[in-house]
């Protein structure tokens, strides 16, 4: 099987793209809204990376940044949206583990685990988005 380095990036972006809904436009915007907007911005940056031309190395900083931002979003959401935040944290942790596994042992099973983890992150992010929608 040929390793497709753009697969992880494409799947991460696709999974999280459905998380639009909050906009941080006022100075008194809750931290969770600002964190959510930051995540959305990074997802857009990932979408603009041309992995075919520039290789996976061009997307790695954004993916690492996205994982950090998702963790910050979870922290900001803990007080008001704990069940959804905990679900997203678990999903992000699993994605991180799956990506590391795919880096060290790329293959069909590793990429399947990454796809499953990305689906979980997307589902969890949408659940959190739906929960915080009224707050933003």
N, C-alpha and C. Protein backbone atom coordinates (compact mmCIF):
# COMPACT_ATOMS: atom_id res chain seq x y z
N UNK A 1 0.84 -1.18 0.00
CA UNK A 1 0.00 0.00 0.00
C UNK A 1 0.88 1.24 0.00
N UNK A 2 0.55 2.19 -0.83
CA UNK A 2 1.29 3.44 -0.90
C UNK A 2 0.79 4.37 0.19
N UNK A 3 1.73 4.98 0.87
CA UNK A 3 1.37 5.90 1.94
C UNK A 3 0.88 7.20 1.34
N UNK A 4 -0.26 7.65 1.79
CA UNK A 4 -0.85 8.90 1.32
C UNK A 4 -0.73 9.93 2.43
N UNK A 5 0.32 10.76 2.41
CA UNK A 5 0.54 11.68 3.52
C UNK A 5 -0.53 12.75 3.67
N UNK A 6 -1.25 13.05 2.63
CA UNK A 6 -2.28 14.07 2.73
C UNK A 6 -3.57 13.56 3.34
N UNK A 7 -3.68 12.24 3.50
CA UNK A 7 -4.91 11.65 4.01
C UNK A 7 -5.27 12.15 5.39
N UNK A 8 -4.31 12.15 6.30
CA UNK A 8 -4.59 12.57 7.68
C UNK A 8 -5.06 14.02 7.70
N UNK A 9 -4.35 14.88 6.99
CA UNK A 9 -4.72 16.29 6.98
C UNK A 9 -6.09 16.50 6.37
N UNK A 10 -6.34 15.84 5.27
CA UNK A 10 -7.64 16.00 4.61
C UNK A 10 -8.78 15.53 5.50
N UNK A 11 -8.58 14.43 6.17
CA UNK A 11 -9.63 13.88 7.02
C UNK A 11 -9.85 14.77 8.24
N UNK A 12 -8.77 15.28 8.84
CA UNK A 12 -8.92 16.17 9.99
C UNK A 12 -9.72 17.41 9.58
N UNK A 13 -9.34 17.99 8.47
CA UNK A 13 -10.04 19.19 8.02
C UNK A 13 -11.51 18.90 7.73
N UNK A 14 -11.77 17.80 7.06
CA UNK A 14 -13.16 17.45 6.73
C UNK A 14 -13.99 17.19 7.98
N UNK A 15 -13.39 16.55 8.96
CA UNK A 15 -14.14 16.22 10.17
C UNK A 15 -14.50 17.45 10.97
N UNK A 16 -13.62 18.41 11.00
CA UNK A 16 -13.84 19.58 11.84
C UNK A 16 -14.54 20.70 11.09
N UNK A 17 -14.56 20.67 9.77
CA UNK A 17 -15.18 21.74 9.01
C UNK A 17 -16.64 21.95 9.35
N UNK A 18 -17.30 20.92 9.75
CA UNK A 18 -18.71 21.05 10.08
C UNK A 18 -18.95 21.74 11.40
N UNK A 19 -17.93 22.29 12.00
CA UNK A 19 -18.07 22.87 13.33
C UNK A 19 -18.27 24.38 13.30
N UNK A 20 -18.71 24.93 12.20
CA UNK A 20 -18.93 26.38 12.17
C UNK A 20 -20.16 26.74 13.00
N UNK A 21 -20.21 27.96 13.43
CA UNK A 21 -21.39 28.36 14.17
C UNK A 21 -21.17 29.46 15.18
N UNK A 22 -19.96 29.61 15.70
CA UNK A 22 -19.69 30.67 16.67
C UNK A 22 -18.81 31.72 16.01
N UNK A 23 -19.01 32.94 16.40
CA UNK A 23 -18.16 34.01 15.90
C UNK A 23 -17.77 34.89 17.07
N UNK A 24 -16.49 35.15 17.17
CA UNK A 24 -16.01 36.01 18.25
C UNK A 24 -15.90 37.43 17.70
N UNK A 25 -16.91 38.25 17.95
CA UNK A 25 -16.90 39.58 17.37
C UNK A 25 -16.96 40.68 18.42
N UNK A 26 -17.31 40.38 19.63
CA UNK A 26 -17.41 41.40 20.66
C UNK A 26 -16.33 41.17 21.70
N UNK A 27 -15.91 42.25 22.36
CA UNK A 27 -14.85 42.13 23.34
C UNK A 27 -15.29 41.33 24.57
N UNK A 28 -16.58 41.26 24.83
CA UNK A 28 -17.06 40.51 25.98
C UNK A 28 -17.51 39.10 25.59
N UNK A 29 -17.04 38.63 24.46
CA UNK A 29 -17.37 37.29 23.99
C UNK A 29 -16.78 36.27 24.97
N UNK A 30 -17.54 35.25 25.34
CA UNK A 30 -17.01 34.22 26.23
C UNK A 30 -15.78 33.54 25.63
N UNK A 31 -14.89 33.11 26.49
CA UNK A 31 -13.65 32.46 26.05
C UNK A 31 -13.93 31.26 25.15
N UNK A 32 -14.99 30.52 25.45
CA UNK A 32 -15.30 29.34 24.65
C UNK A 32 -15.59 29.74 23.20
N UNK A 33 -16.21 30.89 23.00
CA UNK A 33 -16.50 31.35 21.64
C UNK A 33 -15.22 31.75 20.91
N UNK A 34 -14.33 32.42 21.62
CA UNK A 34 -13.06 32.80 21.02
C UNK A 34 -12.23 31.57 20.67
N UNK A 35 -12.23 30.58 21.55
CA UNK A 35 -11.50 29.34 21.28
C UNK A 35 -12.08 28.63 20.06
N UNK A 36 -13.39 28.63 19.98
CA UNK A 36 -14.06 27.97 18.86
C UNK A 36 -13.70 28.67 17.54
N UNK A 37 -13.69 30.00 17.54
CA UNK A 37 -13.32 30.76 16.34
C UNK A 37 -11.87 30.49 15.94
N UNK A 38 -11.00 30.35 16.91
CA UNK A 38 -9.59 30.04 16.64
C UNK A 38 -9.45 28.68 15.98
N UNK A 39 -10.20 27.70 16.48
CA UNK A 39 -10.18 26.36 15.87
C UNK A 39 -10.65 26.45 14.42
N UNK A 40 -11.71 27.19 14.19
CA UNK A 40 -12.23 27.33 12.82
C UNK A 40 -11.19 27.95 11.89
N UNK A 41 -10.47 28.96 12.37
CA UNK A 41 -9.44 29.60 11.56
C UNK A 41 -8.34 28.61 11.18
N UNK A 42 -7.90 27.80 12.12
CA UNK A 42 -6.85 26.83 11.84
C UNK A 42 -7.33 25.78 10.85
N UNK A 43 -8.57 25.35 10.99
CA UNK A 43 -9.12 24.39 10.03
C UNK A 43 -9.09 25.00 8.62
N UNK A 44 -9.42 26.26 8.50
CA UNK A 44 -9.36 26.92 7.19
C UNK A 44 -7.93 26.96 6.66
N UNK A 45 -6.96 27.18 7.54
CA UNK A 45 -5.56 27.18 7.11
C UNK A 45 -5.15 25.79 6.62
N UNK A 46 -5.60 24.76 7.31
CA UNK A 46 -5.28 23.39 6.90
C UNK A 46 -5.87 23.12 5.51
N UNK A 47 -7.07 23.60 5.28
CA UNK A 47 -7.71 23.40 3.98
C UNK A 47 -6.90 24.04 2.86
N UNK A 48 -6.20 25.14 3.15
CA UNK A 48 -5.45 25.86 2.13
C UNK A 48 -4.06 25.30 1.88
N UNK A 49 -3.60 24.36 2.68
CA UNK A 49 -2.28 23.76 2.48
C UNK A 49 -2.37 22.79 1.30
N UNK A 50 -1.45 22.92 0.36
CA UNK A 50 -1.41 22.01 -0.78
C UNK A 50 -0.41 20.90 -0.46
N UNK A 51 -0.91 19.84 0.15
CA UNK A 51 -0.06 18.74 0.57
C UNK A 51 0.54 18.02 -0.64
N UNK A 52 -0.18 17.97 -1.74
CA UNK A 52 0.33 17.32 -2.95
C UNK A 52 1.60 18.00 -3.43
N UNK A 53 1.62 19.33 -3.39
CA UNK A 53 2.80 20.08 -3.85
C UNK A 53 3.87 20.21 -2.78
N UNK A 54 3.45 20.46 -1.54
CA UNK A 54 4.40 20.82 -0.48
C UNK A 54 4.69 19.70 0.50
N UNK A 55 3.99 18.59 0.41
CA UNK A 55 4.21 17.47 1.31
C UNK A 55 3.52 17.66 2.65
N UNK A 56 3.50 16.60 3.43
CA UNK A 56 2.82 16.59 4.73
C UNK A 56 3.48 17.57 5.70
N UNK A 57 4.77 17.84 5.50
CA UNK A 57 5.47 18.75 6.40
C UNK A 57 4.82 20.13 6.41
N UNK A 58 4.21 20.53 5.30
CA UNK A 58 3.57 21.84 5.24
C UNK A 58 2.33 21.91 6.13
N UNK A 59 1.69 20.79 6.37
CA UNK A 59 0.46 20.78 7.17
C UNK A 59 0.71 20.45 8.63
N UNK A 60 1.82 19.81 8.95
CA UNK A 60 2.08 19.38 10.33
C UNK A 60 1.95 20.49 11.36
N UNK A 61 2.52 21.67 11.13
CA UNK A 61 2.37 22.72 12.16
C UNK A 61 0.91 23.07 12.43
N UNK A 62 0.10 23.09 11.39
CA UNK A 62 -1.31 23.41 11.57
C UNK A 62 -2.04 22.31 12.32
N UNK A 63 -1.72 21.06 12.02
CA UNK A 63 -2.39 19.95 12.70
C UNK A 63 -2.01 19.96 14.18
N UNK A 64 -0.73 20.17 14.48
CA UNK A 64 -0.30 20.25 15.88
C UNK A 64 -0.98 21.43 16.57
N UNK A 65 -1.07 22.55 15.87
CA UNK A 65 -1.73 23.73 16.41
C UNK A 65 -3.21 23.44 16.66
N UNK A 66 -3.85 22.74 15.72
CA UNK A 66 -5.26 22.40 15.86
C UNK A 66 -5.49 21.53 17.09
N UNK A 67 -4.64 20.55 17.32
CA UNK A 67 -4.79 19.71 18.50
C UNK A 67 -4.66 20.54 19.77
N UNK A 68 -3.71 21.46 19.81
CA UNK A 68 -3.56 22.34 20.97
C UNK A 68 -4.79 23.23 21.15
N UNK A 69 -5.30 23.75 20.05
CA UNK A 69 -6.48 24.62 20.13
C UNK A 69 -7.72 23.85 20.56
N UNK A 70 -7.86 22.62 20.09
CA UNK A 70 -8.99 21.80 20.53
C UNK A 70 -8.91 21.55 22.03
N UNK A 71 -7.69 21.32 22.53
CA UNK A 71 -7.52 21.14 23.98
C UNK A 71 -7.89 22.42 24.73
N UNK A 72 -7.53 23.60 24.19
CA UNK A 72 -7.90 24.86 24.83
C UNK A 72 -9.41 25.05 24.79
N UNK A 73 -10.03 24.70 23.68
CA UNK A 73 -11.48 24.78 23.57
C UNK A 73 -12.15 23.93 24.64
N UNK A 74 -11.62 22.75 24.86
CA UNK A 74 -12.16 21.87 25.90
C UNK A 74 -12.03 22.53 27.27
N UNK A 75 -10.87 23.12 27.55
CA UNK A 75 -10.67 23.79 28.85
C UNK A 75 -11.65 24.95 29.01
N UNK A 76 -11.82 25.74 27.96
CA UNK A 76 -12.72 26.89 28.04
C UNK A 76 -14.18 26.47 28.17
N UNK A 77 -14.50 25.29 27.66
CA UNK A 77 -15.89 24.83 27.69
C UNK A 77 -16.23 24.03 28.95
N UNK A 78 -15.24 23.67 29.74
CA UNK A 78 -15.45 22.78 30.89
C UNK A 78 -16.52 23.25 31.86
N UNK A 79 -16.50 24.52 32.21
CA UNK A 79 -17.42 25.00 33.24
C UNK A 79 -18.88 24.87 32.82
N UNK A 80 -19.18 25.29 31.62
CA UNK A 80 -20.57 25.36 31.20
C UNK A 80 -21.02 24.15 30.38
N UNK A 81 -20.09 23.52 29.70
CA UNK A 81 -20.44 22.45 28.77
C UNK A 81 -19.59 21.20 29.03
N UNK A 82 -19.48 20.81 30.30
CA UNK A 82 -18.59 19.74 30.70
C UNK A 82 -18.82 18.41 29.96
N UNK A 83 -20.03 17.91 29.83
CA UNK A 83 -20.18 16.60 29.15
C UNK A 83 -19.67 16.63 27.71
N UNK A 84 -20.01 17.69 26.98
CA UNK A 84 -19.56 17.79 25.60
C UNK A 84 -18.05 18.04 25.52
N UNK A 85 -17.53 18.84 26.45
CA UNK A 85 -16.10 19.12 26.47
C UNK A 85 -15.31 17.85 26.79
N UNK A 86 -15.79 17.07 27.74
CA UNK A 86 -15.12 15.81 28.08
C UNK A 86 -15.12 14.85 26.91
N UNK A 87 -16.24 14.81 26.20
CA UNK A 87 -16.35 13.93 25.03
C UNK A 87 -15.34 14.36 23.96
N UNK A 88 -15.22 15.67 23.72
CA UNK A 88 -14.27 16.16 22.73
C UNK A 88 -12.84 15.89 23.17
N UNK A 89 -12.54 16.08 24.44
CA UNK A 89 -11.19 15.82 24.95
C UNK A 89 -10.80 14.37 24.73
N UNK A 90 -11.70 13.45 25.02
CA UNK A 90 -11.43 12.03 24.81
C UNK A 90 -11.18 11.75 23.33
N UNK A 91 -11.99 12.35 22.48
CA UNK A 91 -11.84 12.15 21.03
C UNK A 91 -10.51 12.72 20.52
N UNK A 92 -10.13 13.92 21.00
CA UNK A 92 -8.87 14.53 20.58
C UNK A 92 -7.68 13.69 21.05
N UNK A 93 -7.75 13.20 22.27
CA UNK A 93 -6.68 12.33 22.78
C UNK A 93 -6.53 11.08 21.92
N UNK A 94 -7.66 10.49 21.54
CA UNK A 94 -7.63 9.29 20.70
C UNK A 94 -7.07 9.61 19.31
N UNK A 95 -7.44 10.77 18.78
CA UNK A 95 -6.90 11.18 17.48
C UNK A 95 -5.38 11.34 17.56
N UNK A 96 -4.92 11.98 18.59
CA UNK A 96 -3.48 12.18 18.76
C UNK A 96 -2.75 10.84 18.82
N UNK A 97 -3.30 9.92 19.58
CA UNK A 97 -2.71 8.58 19.68
C UNK A 97 -2.73 7.87 18.33
N UNK A 98 -3.82 7.99 17.61
CA UNK A 98 -3.95 7.33 16.31
C UNK A 98 -2.97 7.91 15.29
N UNK A 99 -2.81 9.24 15.29
CA UNK A 99 -1.89 9.88 14.37
C UNK A 99 -0.46 9.45 14.66
N UNK A 100 -0.10 9.41 15.93
CA UNK A 100 1.24 8.94 16.30
C UNK A 100 1.46 7.50 15.84
N UNK A 101 0.44 6.67 16.01
CA UNK A 101 0.53 5.29 15.55
C UNK A 101 0.72 5.19 14.05
N UNK A 102 0.03 6.04 13.31
CA UNK A 102 0.16 6.04 11.85
C UNK A 102 1.52 6.56 11.41
N UNK A 103 2.08 7.48 12.17
CA UNK A 103 3.42 7.98 11.84
C UNK A 103 4.47 6.89 12.04
N UNK A 104 4.34 6.14 13.12
CA UNK A 104 5.36 5.13 13.42
C UNK A 104 5.15 3.84 12.64
N UNK A 105 3.92 3.55 12.25
CA UNK A 105 3.64 2.32 11.51
C UNK A 105 2.54 2.57 10.48
N UNK A 106 2.89 3.29 9.39
CA UNK A 106 1.87 3.63 8.41
C UNK A 106 1.37 2.37 7.70
N UNK A 107 0.10 2.26 7.61
CA UNK A 107 -0.52 1.13 6.95
C UNK A 107 -2.02 1.26 6.99
N UNK A 108 -2.69 0.33 6.35
CA UNK A 108 -4.15 0.40 6.25
C UNK A 108 -4.82 0.43 7.61
N UNK A 109 -4.38 -0.40 8.54
CA UNK A 109 -5.00 -0.45 9.86
C UNK A 109 -4.79 0.86 10.63
N UNK A 110 -3.59 1.42 10.51
CA UNK A 110 -3.30 2.68 11.20
C UNK A 110 -4.14 3.81 10.64
N UNK A 111 -4.27 3.87 9.32
CA UNK A 111 -5.07 4.94 8.72
C UNK A 111 -6.55 4.74 9.00
N UNK A 112 -6.99 3.51 9.11
CA UNK A 112 -8.39 3.25 9.49
C UNK A 112 -8.64 3.75 10.90
N UNK A 113 -7.68 3.55 11.80
CA UNK A 113 -7.82 4.04 13.18
C UNK A 113 -7.88 5.56 13.20
N UNK A 114 -7.07 6.21 12.35
CA UNK A 114 -7.08 7.67 12.27
C UNK A 114 -8.44 8.14 11.75
N UNK A 115 -8.95 7.51 10.71
CA UNK A 115 -10.26 7.89 10.17
C UNK A 115 -11.35 7.76 11.23
N UNK A 116 -11.32 6.68 11.99
CA UNK A 116 -12.31 6.47 13.05
C UNK A 116 -12.19 7.56 14.11
N UNK A 117 -10.96 7.89 14.50
CA UNK A 117 -10.73 8.92 15.51
C UNK A 117 -11.17 10.29 15.00
N UNK A 118 -10.94 10.56 13.73
CA UNK A 118 -11.34 11.84 13.16
C UNK A 118 -12.86 11.97 13.13
N UNK A 119 -13.53 10.88 12.80
CA UNK A 119 -14.99 10.89 12.83
C UNK A 119 -15.49 11.21 14.22
N UNK A 120 -14.85 10.62 15.22
CA UNK A 120 -15.23 10.88 16.60
C UNK A 120 -14.99 12.34 16.99
N UNK A 121 -13.86 12.90 16.56
CA UNK A 121 -13.58 14.32 16.84
C UNK A 121 -14.65 15.19 16.18
N UNK A 122 -14.98 14.90 14.94
CA UNK A 122 -16.00 15.67 14.24
C UNK A 122 -17.34 15.60 14.94
N UNK A 123 -17.74 14.38 15.33
CA UNK A 123 -19.02 14.21 16.03
C UNK A 123 -19.02 14.97 17.36
N UNK A 124 -17.92 14.85 18.09
CA UNK A 124 -17.82 15.52 19.39
C UNK A 124 -17.79 17.04 19.24
N UNK A 125 -17.08 17.53 18.22
CA UNK A 125 -17.00 18.97 17.99
C UNK A 125 -18.38 19.52 17.61
N UNK A 126 -19.11 18.77 16.80
CA UNK A 126 -20.46 19.22 16.43
C UNK A 126 -21.38 19.23 17.65
N UNK A 127 -21.25 18.25 18.53
CA UNK A 127 -22.06 18.22 19.74
C UNK A 127 -21.74 19.43 20.63
N UNK A 128 -20.47 19.76 20.75
CA UNK A 128 -20.08 20.93 21.54
C UNK A 128 -20.56 22.21 20.85
N UNK A 129 -20.41 22.29 19.54
CA UNK A 129 -20.89 23.46 18.80
C UNK A 129 -22.39 23.67 19.04
N UNK A 130 -23.14 22.58 18.95
CA UNK A 130 -24.59 22.68 19.17
C UNK A 130 -24.90 23.17 20.58
N UNK A 131 -24.11 22.70 21.55
CA UNK A 131 -24.34 23.09 22.94
C UNK A 131 -24.00 24.55 23.19
N UNK A 132 -22.91 25.04 22.60
CA UNK A 132 -22.49 26.42 22.87
C UNK A 132 -23.12 27.43 21.92
N UNK A 133 -23.86 26.96 20.94
CA UNK A 133 -24.45 27.86 19.93
C UNK A 133 -25.16 29.06 20.51
N UNK A 134 -25.92 28.89 21.57
CA UNK A 134 -26.65 30.00 22.16
C UNK A 134 -25.77 30.96 22.94
N UNK A 135 -24.62 30.51 23.36
CA UNK A 135 -23.72 31.34 24.17
C UNK A 135 -22.88 32.28 23.32
N UNK A 136 -22.76 31.95 22.05
CA UNK A 136 -21.88 32.75 21.18
C UNK A 136 -22.68 33.70 20.36
